């Protein structure tokens, strides 16, 4: 087995264990974050059974998609979205996790090809209130969710978050609990949600304990990201 295959097996076992002990008993899917990784690494992960991959850099992602057309990959866009990138994102991805304003949602909706199913989307919430992080403040979630639900080519699935990094397990849980509370509040208002996209290489077990249904893991699968070309 390749190193990537070994790492994937370890991560999937950890996910299964965390899932079994979570009070939410939710299904958890792994997004292999392949940004800055070569297409060959994605092929190795795919050969080991991984089919969902997350990308943040559009042109790099499109190049890899073109190189990997023979693989039945489900592509997720998980990075910040610039207005001028919405058309290719909407046309080449099944999911977008990082919607943080209505303008972006509207542009994604308008660009989604009619022959494709609705684009599956999450709203990014900034529970840490960090100026450096994208995302909607919790108080603004309901208003944005209401408008997104009016867009026929988008399907609102839930929330995504990138809390402030910490290696303190209790702090990790506390931050993911805040995301869960936002999710529960929206659900109580009648939004039909089923997705919490949260948790990365250093904190995904804590995220699963608070109901994560997608975890986004890169370095723990592929190793340290190589430097990107300018």
C-alpha atoms as a PDB file:
ATOM      1  CA  UNK A   1       0.000   0.000   0.000  1.00  0.00           C
ATOM      2  CA  UNK A   2       1.094   3.562  -0.614  1.00  0.00           C
ATOM      3  CA  UNK A   3       1.729   6.013   2.202  1.00  0.00           C
ATOM      4  CA  UNK A   4      -1.428   7.851   1.176  1.00  0.00           C
ATOM      5  CA  UNK A   5      -3.384   4.608   1.394  1.00  0.00           C
ATOM      6  CA  UNK A   6      -2.015   3.892   4.867  1.00  0.00           C
ATOM      7  CA  UNK A   7      -2.880   7.383   6.046  1.00  0.00           C
ATOM      8  CA  UNK A   8      -6.368   7.147   4.604  1.00  0.00           C
ATOM      9  CA  UNK A   9      -7.008   3.886   6.418  1.00  0.00           C
ATOM     10  CA  UNK A  10      -5.890   5.419   9.714  1.00  0.00           C
ATOM     11  CA  UNK A  11      -8.083   8.499   9.230  1.00  0.00           C
ATOM     12  CA  UNK A  12     -11.145   6.464   8.269  1.00  0.00           C
ATOM     13  CA  UNK A  13     -10.688   4.320  11.372  1.00  0.00           C
ATOM     14  CA  UNK A  14     -10.445   7.441  13.527  1.00  0.00           C
ATOM     15  CA  UNK A  15     -13.562   8.871  11.874  1.00  0.00           C
ATOM     16  CA  UNK A  16     -15.448   5.641  12.543  1.00  0.00           C
ATOM     17  CA  UNK A  17     -14.399   5.656  16.192  1.00  0.00           C
ATOM     18  CA  UNK A  18     -15.339   9.332  16.683  1.00  0.00           C
ATOM     19  CA  UNK A  19     -18.620   8.784  14.888  1.00  0.00           C
ATOM     20  CA  UNK A  20     -19.506   5.855  17.148  1.00  0.00           C
ATOM     21  CA  UNK A  21     -19.028   7.977  20.264  1.00  0.00           C
ATOM     22  CA  UNK A  22     -20.769  11.121  18.986  1.00  0.00           C
ATOM     23  CA  UNK A  23     -24.154  11.851  20.488  1.00  0.00           C
ATOM     24  CA  UNK A  24     -25.405  12.779  17.025  1.00  0.00           C
ATOM     25  CA  UNK A  25     -24.676   9.399  15.378  1.00  0.00           C
ATOM     26  CA  UNK A  26     -24.451  11.130  12.021  1.00  0.00           C
ATOM     27  CA  UNK A  27     -22.978   9.829   8.798  1.00  0.00           C
ATOM     28  CA  UNK A  28     -19.520  11.345   8.266  1.00  0.00           C
ATOM     29  CA  UNK A  29     -17.865  11.758   4.872  1.00  0.00           C
ATOM     30  CA  UNK A  30     -14.217  12.563   4.253  1.00  0.00           C
ATOM     31  CA  UNK A  31     -13.181  15.343   1.890  1.00  0.00           C
ATOM     32  CA  UNK A  32      -9.556  14.844   0.878  1.00  0.00           C
ATOM     33  CA  UNK A  33      -8.211  18.392   0.593  1.00  0.00           C
ATOM     34  CA  UNK A  34      -5.982  18.155  -2.442  1.00  0.00           C
ATOM     35  CA  UNK A  35      -5.142  21.831  -2.987  1.00  0.00           C
ATOM     36  CA  UNK A  36      -1.482  22.292  -3.929  1.00  0.00           C
ATOM     37  CA  UNK A  37      -1.134  18.531  -4.392  1.00  0.00           C
ATOM     38  CA  UNK A  38      -0.292  17.021  -7.787  1.00  0.00           C
ATOM     39  CA  UNK A  39      -2.773  15.007  -9.800  1.00  0.00           C
ATOM     40  CA  UNK A  40      -0.681  11.892  -9.126  1.00  0.00           C
ATOM     41  CA  UNK A  41      -1.399  12.162  -5.402  1.00  0.00           C
ATOM     42  CA  UNK A  42      -5.117  12.386  -6.122  1.00  0.00           C
ATOM     43  CA  UNK A  43      -4.822   9.264  -8.263  1.00  0.00           C
ATOM     44  CA  UNK A  44      -3.164   7.436  -5.372  1.00  0.00           C
ATOM     45  CA  UNK A  45      -5.918   8.476  -2.968  1.00  0.00           C
ATOM     46  CA  UNK A  46      -8.597   7.538  -5.486  1.00  0.00           C
ATOM     47  CA  UNK A  47      -7.002   4.119  -5.971  1.00  0.00           C
ATOM     48  CA  UNK A  48      -7.242   3.683  -2.183  1.00  0.00           C
ATOM     49  CA  UNK A  49     -11.001   4.319  -2.314  1.00  0.00           C
ATOM     50  CA  UNK A  50     -11.286   8.088  -1.794  1.00  0.00           C
ATOM     51  CA  UNK A  51     -13.733   9.752  -4.206  1.00  0.00           C
ATOM     52  CA  UNK A  52     -14.446  13.208  -2.697  1.00  0.00           C
ATOM     53  CA  UNK A  53     -11.778  15.888  -3.111  1.00  0.00           C
ATOM     54  CA  UNK A  54     -11.704  19.515  -2.009  1.00  0.00           C
ATOM     55  CA  UNK A  55      -9.942  22.336  -3.824  1.00  0.00           C
ATOM     56  CA  UNK A  56      -9.425  26.021  -2.982  1.00  0.00           C
ATOM     57  CA  UNK A  57      -7.446  27.395  -5.931  1.00  0.00           C
ATOM     58  CA  UNK A  58      -9.619  27.540  -9.027  1.00  0.00           C
ATOM     59  CA  UNK A  59      -7.151  27.389 -11.916  1.00  0.00           C
ATOM     60  CA  UNK A  60      -5.122  24.671 -10.244  1.00  0.00           C
ATOM     61  CA  UNK A  61      -8.325  22.696  -9.663  1.00  0.00           C
ATOM     62  CA  UNK A  62      -9.467  23.058 -13.271  1.00  0.00           C
ATOM     63  CA  UNK A  63      -6.083  21.839 -14.517  1.00  0.00           C
ATOM     64  CA  UNK A  64      -6.287  18.754 -12.306  1.00  0.00           C
ATOM     65  CA  UNK A  65      -9.885  18.087 -13.273  1.00  0.00           C
ATOM     66  CA  UNK A  66      -8.854  18.098 -16.923  1.00  0.00           C
ATOM     67  CA  UNK A  67      -6.066  15.642 -16.160  1.00  0.00           C
ATOM     68  CA  UNK A  68      -8.300  13.327 -14.127  1.00  0.00           C
ATOM     69  CA  UNK A  69     -11.394  13.077 -16.310  1.00  0.00           C
ATOM     70  CA  UNK A  70     -11.142   9.282 -16.266  1.00  0.00           C
ATOM     71  CA  UNK A  71     -11.876   9.217 -12.511  1.00  0.00           C
ATOM     72  CA  UNK A  72     -15.377   9.510 -11.037  1.00  0.00           C
ATOM     73  CA  UNK A  73     -14.424  12.239  -8.572  1.00  0.00           C
ATOM     74  CA  UNK A  74     -16.905  14.414  -6.694  1.00  0.00           C
ATOM     75  CA  UNK A  75     -15.282  17.849  -6.605  1.00  0.00           C
ATOM     76  CA  UNK A  76     -15.945  20.278  -3.738  1.00  0.00           C
ATOM     77  CA  UNK A  77     -14.853  23.919  -3.762  1.00  0.00           C
ATOM     78  CA  UNK A  78     -13.862  24.895  -0.217  1.00  0.00           C
ATOM     79  CA  UNK A  79     -11.912  28.150  -0.587  1.00  0.00           C
ATOM     80  CA  UNK A  80     -12.774  31.852  -0.652  1.00  0.00           C
ATOM     81  CA  UNK A  81     -14.719  32.858  -3.753  1.00  0.00           C
ATOM     82  CA  UNK A  82     -14.035  35.947  -5.848  1.00  0.00           C
ATOM     83  CA  UNK A  83     -16.901  37.284  -7.947  1.00  0.00           C
ATOM     84  CA  UNK A  84     -15.000  36.786 -11.204  1.00  0.00           C
ATOM     85  CA  UNK A  85     -14.482  33.092 -10.409  1.00  0.00           C
ATOM     86  CA  UNK A  86     -18.135  32.150  -9.829  1.00  0.00           C
ATOM     87  CA  UNK A  87     -18.894  30.968 -13.359  1.00  0.00           C
ATOM     88  CA  UNK A  88     -16.195  28.270 -13.636  1.00  0.00           C
ATOM     89  CA  UNK A  89     -16.768  27.225 -10.016  1.00  0.00           C
ATOM     90  CA  UNK A  90     -20.479  26.773 -10.670  1.00  0.00           C
ATOM     91  CA  UNK A  91     -19.811  24.822 -13.853  1.00  0.00           C
ATOM     92  CA  UNK A  92     -17.105  22.457 -12.564  1.00  0.00           C
ATOM     93  CA  UNK A  93     -17.966  21.572  -8.971  1.00  0.00           C
ATOM     94  CA  UNK A  94     -20.722  19.538  -7.321  1.00  0.00           C
ATOM     95  CA  UNK A  95     -20.466  21.345  -3.973  1.00  0.00           C
ATOM     96  CA  UNK A  96     -19.441  24.796  -2.759  1.00  0.00           C
ATOM     97  CA  UNK A  97     -18.775  25.087   0.979  1.00  0.00           C
ATOM     98  CA  UNK A  98     -17.711  28.715   1.271  1.00  0.00           C
ATOM     99  CA  UNK A  99     -20.614  31.023   0.442  1.00  0.00           C
ATOM    100  CA  UNK A 100     -20.355  34.119   2.623  1.00  0.00           C
ATOM    101  CA  UNK A 101     -22.510  36.707   0.856  1.00  0.00           C
ATOM    102  CA  UNK A 102     -25.612  36.874  -1.288  1.00  0.00           C
ATOM    103  CA  UNK A 103     -23.861  38.305  -4.357  1.00  0.00           C
ATOM    104  CA  UNK A 104     -21.719  35.175  -4.630  1.00  0.00           C
ATOM    105  CA  UNK A 105     -24.733  32.888  -4.221  1.00  0.00           C
ATOM    106  CA  UNK A 106     -26.637  34.753  -6.922  1.00  0.00           C
ATOM    107  CA  UNK A 107     -23.735  34.581  -9.355  1.00  0.00           C
ATOM    108  CA  UNK A 108     -23.257  30.861  -8.724  1.00  0.00           C
ATOM    109  CA  UNK A 109     -26.959  30.308  -9.309  1.00  0.00           C
ATOM    110  CA  UNK A 110     -26.990  32.300 -12.545  1.00  0.00           C
ATOM    111  CA  UNK A 111     -23.949  30.438 -13.900  1.00  0.00           C
ATOM    112  CA  UNK A 112     -25.097  26.901 -13.059  1.00  0.00           C
ATOM    113  CA  UNK A 113     -25.714  25.007 -16.324  1.00  0.00           C
ATOM    114  CA  UNK A 114     -29.322  23.893 -16.762  1.00  0.00           C
ATOM    115  CA  UNK A 115     -28.286  20.322 -17.562  1.00  0.00           C
ATOM    116  CA  UNK A 116     -26.558  19.890 -14.206  1.00  0.00           C
ATOM    117  CA  UNK A 117     -28.333  19.186 -10.907  1.00  0.00           C
ATOM    118  CA  UNK A 118     -28.557  22.067  -8.425  1.00  0.00           C
ATOM    119  CA  UNK A 119     -25.242  23.117  -6.937  1.00  0.00           C
ATOM    120  CA  UNK A 120     -25.027  21.838  -3.354  1.00  0.00           C
ATOM    121  CA  UNK A 121     -23.945  24.685  -1.081  1.00  0.00           C
ATOM    122  CA  UNK A 122     -23.028  25.543   2.486  1.00  0.00           C
ATOM    123  CA  UNK A 123     -22.855  28.947   4.138  1.00  0.00           C
ATOM    124  CA  UNK A 124     -19.524  29.666   5.793  1.00  0.00           C
ATOM    125  CA  UNK A 125     -20.042  30.941   9.341  1.00  0.00           C
ATOM    126  CA  UNK A 126     -17.387  32.854  11.279  1.00  0.00           C
ATOM    127  CA  UNK A 127     -17.986  31.735  14.861  1.00  0.00           C
ATOM    128  CA  UNK A 128     -14.553  32.919  16.015  1.00  0.00           C
ATOM    129  CA  UNK A 129     -15.292  36.479  14.844  1.00  0.00           C
ATOM    130  CA  UNK A 130     -11.829  36.662  13.264  1.00  0.00           C
ATOM    131  CA  UNK A 131     -11.259  39.553  10.873  1.00  0.00           C
ATOM    132  CA  UNK A 132      -8.876  37.360   8.879  1.00  0.00           C
ATOM    133  CA  UNK A 133     -11.494  34.673   8.276  1.00  0.00           C
ATOM    134  CA  UNK A 134     -14.250  34.669   5.684  1.00  0.00           C
ATOM    135  CA  UNK A 135     -17.742  33.850   6.783  1.00  0.00           C
ATOM    136  CA  UNK A 136     -21.034  35.245   7.946  1.00  0.00           C
ATOM    137  CA  UNK A 137     -21.540  36.235  11.559  1.00  0.00           C
ATOM    138  CA  UNK A 138     -24.101  34.026  13.331  1.00  0.00           C
ATOM    139  CA  UNK A 139     -26.613  36.882  13.585  1.00  0.00           C
ATOM    140  CA  UNK A 140     -26.630  37.219   9.777  1.00  0.00           C
ATOM    141  CA  UNK A 141     -27.120  33.539   8.940  1.00  0.00           C
ATOM    142  CA  UNK A 142     -30.907  33.366   8.790  1.00  0.00           C
ATOM    143  CA  UNK A 143     -31.206  36.317   6.425  1.00  0.00           C
ATOM    144  CA  UNK A 144     -28.667  34.880   3.998  1.00  0.00           C
ATOM    145  CA  UNK A 145     -30.141  31.374   4.207  1.00  0.00           C
ATOM    146  CA  UNK A 146     -33.588  32.790   3.399  1.00  0.00           C
ATOM    147  CA  UNK A 147     -32.293  34.427   0.225  1.00  0.00           C
ATOM    148  CA  UNK A 148     -30.270  31.401  -0.889  1.00  0.00           C
ATOM    149  CA  UNK A 149     -33.337  29.196  -0.621  1.00  0.00           C
ATOM    150  CA  UNK A 150     -34.994  31.364  -3.271  1.00  0.00           C
ATOM    151  CA  UNK A 151     -32.300  30.507  -5.841  1.00  0.00           C
ATOM    152  CA  UNK A 152     -33.531  27.559  -7.936  1.00  0.00           C
ATOM    153  CA  UNK A 153     -30.150  26.255  -9.090  1.00  0.00           C
ATOM    154  CA  UNK A 154     -28.685  26.094  -5.577  1.00  0.00           C
ATOM    155  CA  UNK A 155     -29.528  23.610  -2.833  1.00  0.00           C
ATOM    156  CA  UNK A 156     -28.699  24.866   0.652  1.00  0.00           C
ATOM    157  CA  UNK A 157     -27.383  21.928   2.656  1.00  0.00           C
ATOM    158  CA  UNK A 158     -25.896  23.449   5.799  1.00  0.00           C
ATOM    159  CA  UNK A 159     -22.964  25.301   7.314  1.00  0.00           C
ATOM    160  CA  UNK A 160     -19.188  25.294   6.977  1.00  0.00           C
ATOM    161  CA  UNK A 161     -16.736  26.702   9.503  1.00  0.00           C
ATOM    162  CA  UNK A 162     -13.001  27.098  10.074  1.00  0.00           C
ATOM    163  CA  UNK A 163     -12.688  28.008  13.763  1.00  0.00           C
ATOM    164  CA  UNK A 164      -9.544  29.555  15.176  1.00  0.00           C
ATOM    165  CA  UNK A 165      -6.808  26.883  15.265  1.00  0.00           C
ATOM    166  CA  UNK A 166      -5.970  25.399  18.640  1.00  0.00           C
ATOM    167  CA  UNK A 167      -4.521  22.126  19.879  1.00  0.00           C
ATOM    168  CA  UNK A 168      -6.570  22.352  23.090  1.00  0.00           C
ATOM    169  CA  UNK A 169      -9.211  19.634  22.729  1.00  0.00           C
ATOM    170  CA  UNK A 170     -11.679  21.361  25.026  1.00  0.00           C
ATOM    171  CA  UNK A 171     -11.384  24.593  23.083  1.00  0.00           C
ATOM    172  CA  UNK A 172     -11.834  22.718  19.815  1.00  0.00           C
ATOM    173  CA  UNK A 173     -15.051  21.175  21.111  1.00  0.00           C
ATOM    174  CA  UNK A 174     -16.293  24.526  22.416  1.00  0.00           C
ATOM    175  CA  UNK A 175     -15.811  26.183  19.027  1.00  0.00           C
ATOM    176  CA  UNK A 176     -17.468  23.387  17.094  1.00  0.00           C
ATOM    177  CA  UNK A 177     -20.329  23.450  19.583  1.00  0.00           C
ATOM    178  CA  UNK A 178     -20.946  27.074  18.592  1.00  0.00           C
ATOM    179  CA  UNK A 179     -21.219  26.019  14.938  1.00  0.00           C
ATOM    180  CA  UNK A 180     -23.599  23.247  15.947  1.00  0.00           C
ATOM    181  CA  UNK A 181     -25.730  25.740  17.835  1.00  0.00           C
ATOM    182  CA  UNK A 182     -25.961  27.937  14.721  1.00  0.00           C
ATOM    183  CA  UNK A 183     -27.016  24.891  12.708  1.00  0.00           C
ATOM    184  CA  UNK A 184     -29.636  23.894  15.283  1.00  0.00           C
ATOM    185  CA  UNK A 185     -30.994  27.447  15.416  1.00  0.00           C
ATOM    186  CA  UNK A 186     -31.487  27.516  11.644  1.00  0.00           C
ATOM    187  CA  UNK A 187     -33.089  24.080  11.697  1.00  0.00           C
ATOM    188  CA  UNK A 188     -35.485  25.262  14.408  1.00  0.00           C
ATOM    189  CA  UNK A 189     -36.492  28.124  12.102  1.00  0.00           C
ATOM    190  CA  UNK A 190     -37.569  25.625   9.462  1.00  0.00           C
ATOM    191  CA  UNK A 191     -34.511  25.377   7.227  1.00  0.00           C
ATOM    192  CA  UNK A 192     -34.082  21.805   5.964  1.00  0.00           C
ATOM    193  CA  UNK A 193     -30.378  21.291   6.643  1.00  0.00           C
ATOM    194  CA  UNK A 194     -28.368  18.081   6.784  1.00  0.00           C
ATOM    195  CA  UNK A 195     -24.714  19.155   6.538  1.00  0.00           C
ATOM    196  CA  UNK A 196     -22.074  20.460   8.910  1.00  0.00           C
ATOM    197  CA  UNK A 197     -18.720  20.852   7.131  1.00  0.00           C
ATOM    198  CA  UNK A 198     -16.115  21.311   9.855  1.00  0.00           C
ATOM    199  CA  UNK A 199     -12.958  19.726  11.161  1.00  0.00           C
ATOM    200  CA  UNK A 200      -9.503  19.446   9.624  1.00  0.00           C
ATOM    201  CA  UNK A 201      -6.368  17.383  10.180  1.00  0.00           C
ATOM    202  CA  UNK A 202      -5.731  18.554  13.760  1.00  0.00           C
ATOM    203  CA  UNK A 203      -9.285  18.711  15.076  1.00  0.00           C
ATOM    204  CA  UNK A 204     -11.614  16.470  13.084  1.00  0.00           C
ATOM    205  CA  UNK A 205     -12.409  14.126  15.981  1.00  0.00           C
ATOM    206  CA  UNK A 206     -13.644  17.103  18.028  1.00  0.00           C
ATOM    207  CA  UNK A 207     -15.722  18.282  15.057  1.00  0.00           C
ATOM    208  CA  UNK A 208     -17.340  14.865  14.696  1.00  0.00           C
ATOM    209  CA  UNK A 209     -18.242  14.916  18.388  1.00  0.00           C
ATOM    210  CA  UNK A 210     -20.340  18.013  17.661  1.00  0.00           C
ATOM    211  CA  UNK A 211     -22.070  16.608  14.603  1.00  0.00           C
ATOM    212  CA  UNK A 212     -19.763  17.197  11.626  1.00  0.00           C
ATOM    213  CA  UNK A 213     -20.984  15.378   8.534  1.00  0.00           C
ATOM    214  CA  UNK A 214     -18.058  16.411   6.328  1.00  0.00           C
ATOM    215  CA  UNK A 215     -14.467  16.647   7.583  1.00  0.00           C
ATOM    216  CA  UNK A 216     -11.882  18.316   5.348  1.00  0.00           C
ATOM    217  CA  UNK A 217      -8.478  16.707   5.711  1.00  0.00           C
ATOM    218  CA  UNK A 218      -5.378  17.460   3.677  1.00  0.00           C
ATOM    219  CA  UNK A 219      -1.963  17.191   5.334  1.00  0.00           C
ATOM    220  CA  UNK A 220      -2.889  14.101   7.365  1.00  0.00           C
ATOM    221  CA  UNK A 221      -3.543  12.328   4.049  1.00  0.00           C
ATOM    222  CA  UNK A 222      -1.029  13.832   1.660  1.00  0.00           C
ATOM    223  CA  UNK A 223       1.654  15.165   3.996  1.00  0.00           C
ATOM    224  CA  UNK A 224       2.809  18.770   4.028  1.00  0.00           C
ATOM    225  CA  UNK A 225       1.632  20.769   1.028  1.00  0.00           C
ATOM    226  CA  UNK A 226       4.366  21.556  -1.469  1.00  0.00           C
ATOM    227  CA  UNK A 227       5.008  25.216  -2.174  1.00  0.00           C
ATOM    228  CA  UNK A 228       2.763  26.674  -4.859  1.00  0.00           C
ATOM    229  CA  UNK A 229       4.164  28.391  -7.888  1.00  0.00           C
ATOM    230  CA  UNK A 230       3.419  32.110  -7.952  1.00  0.00           C
END
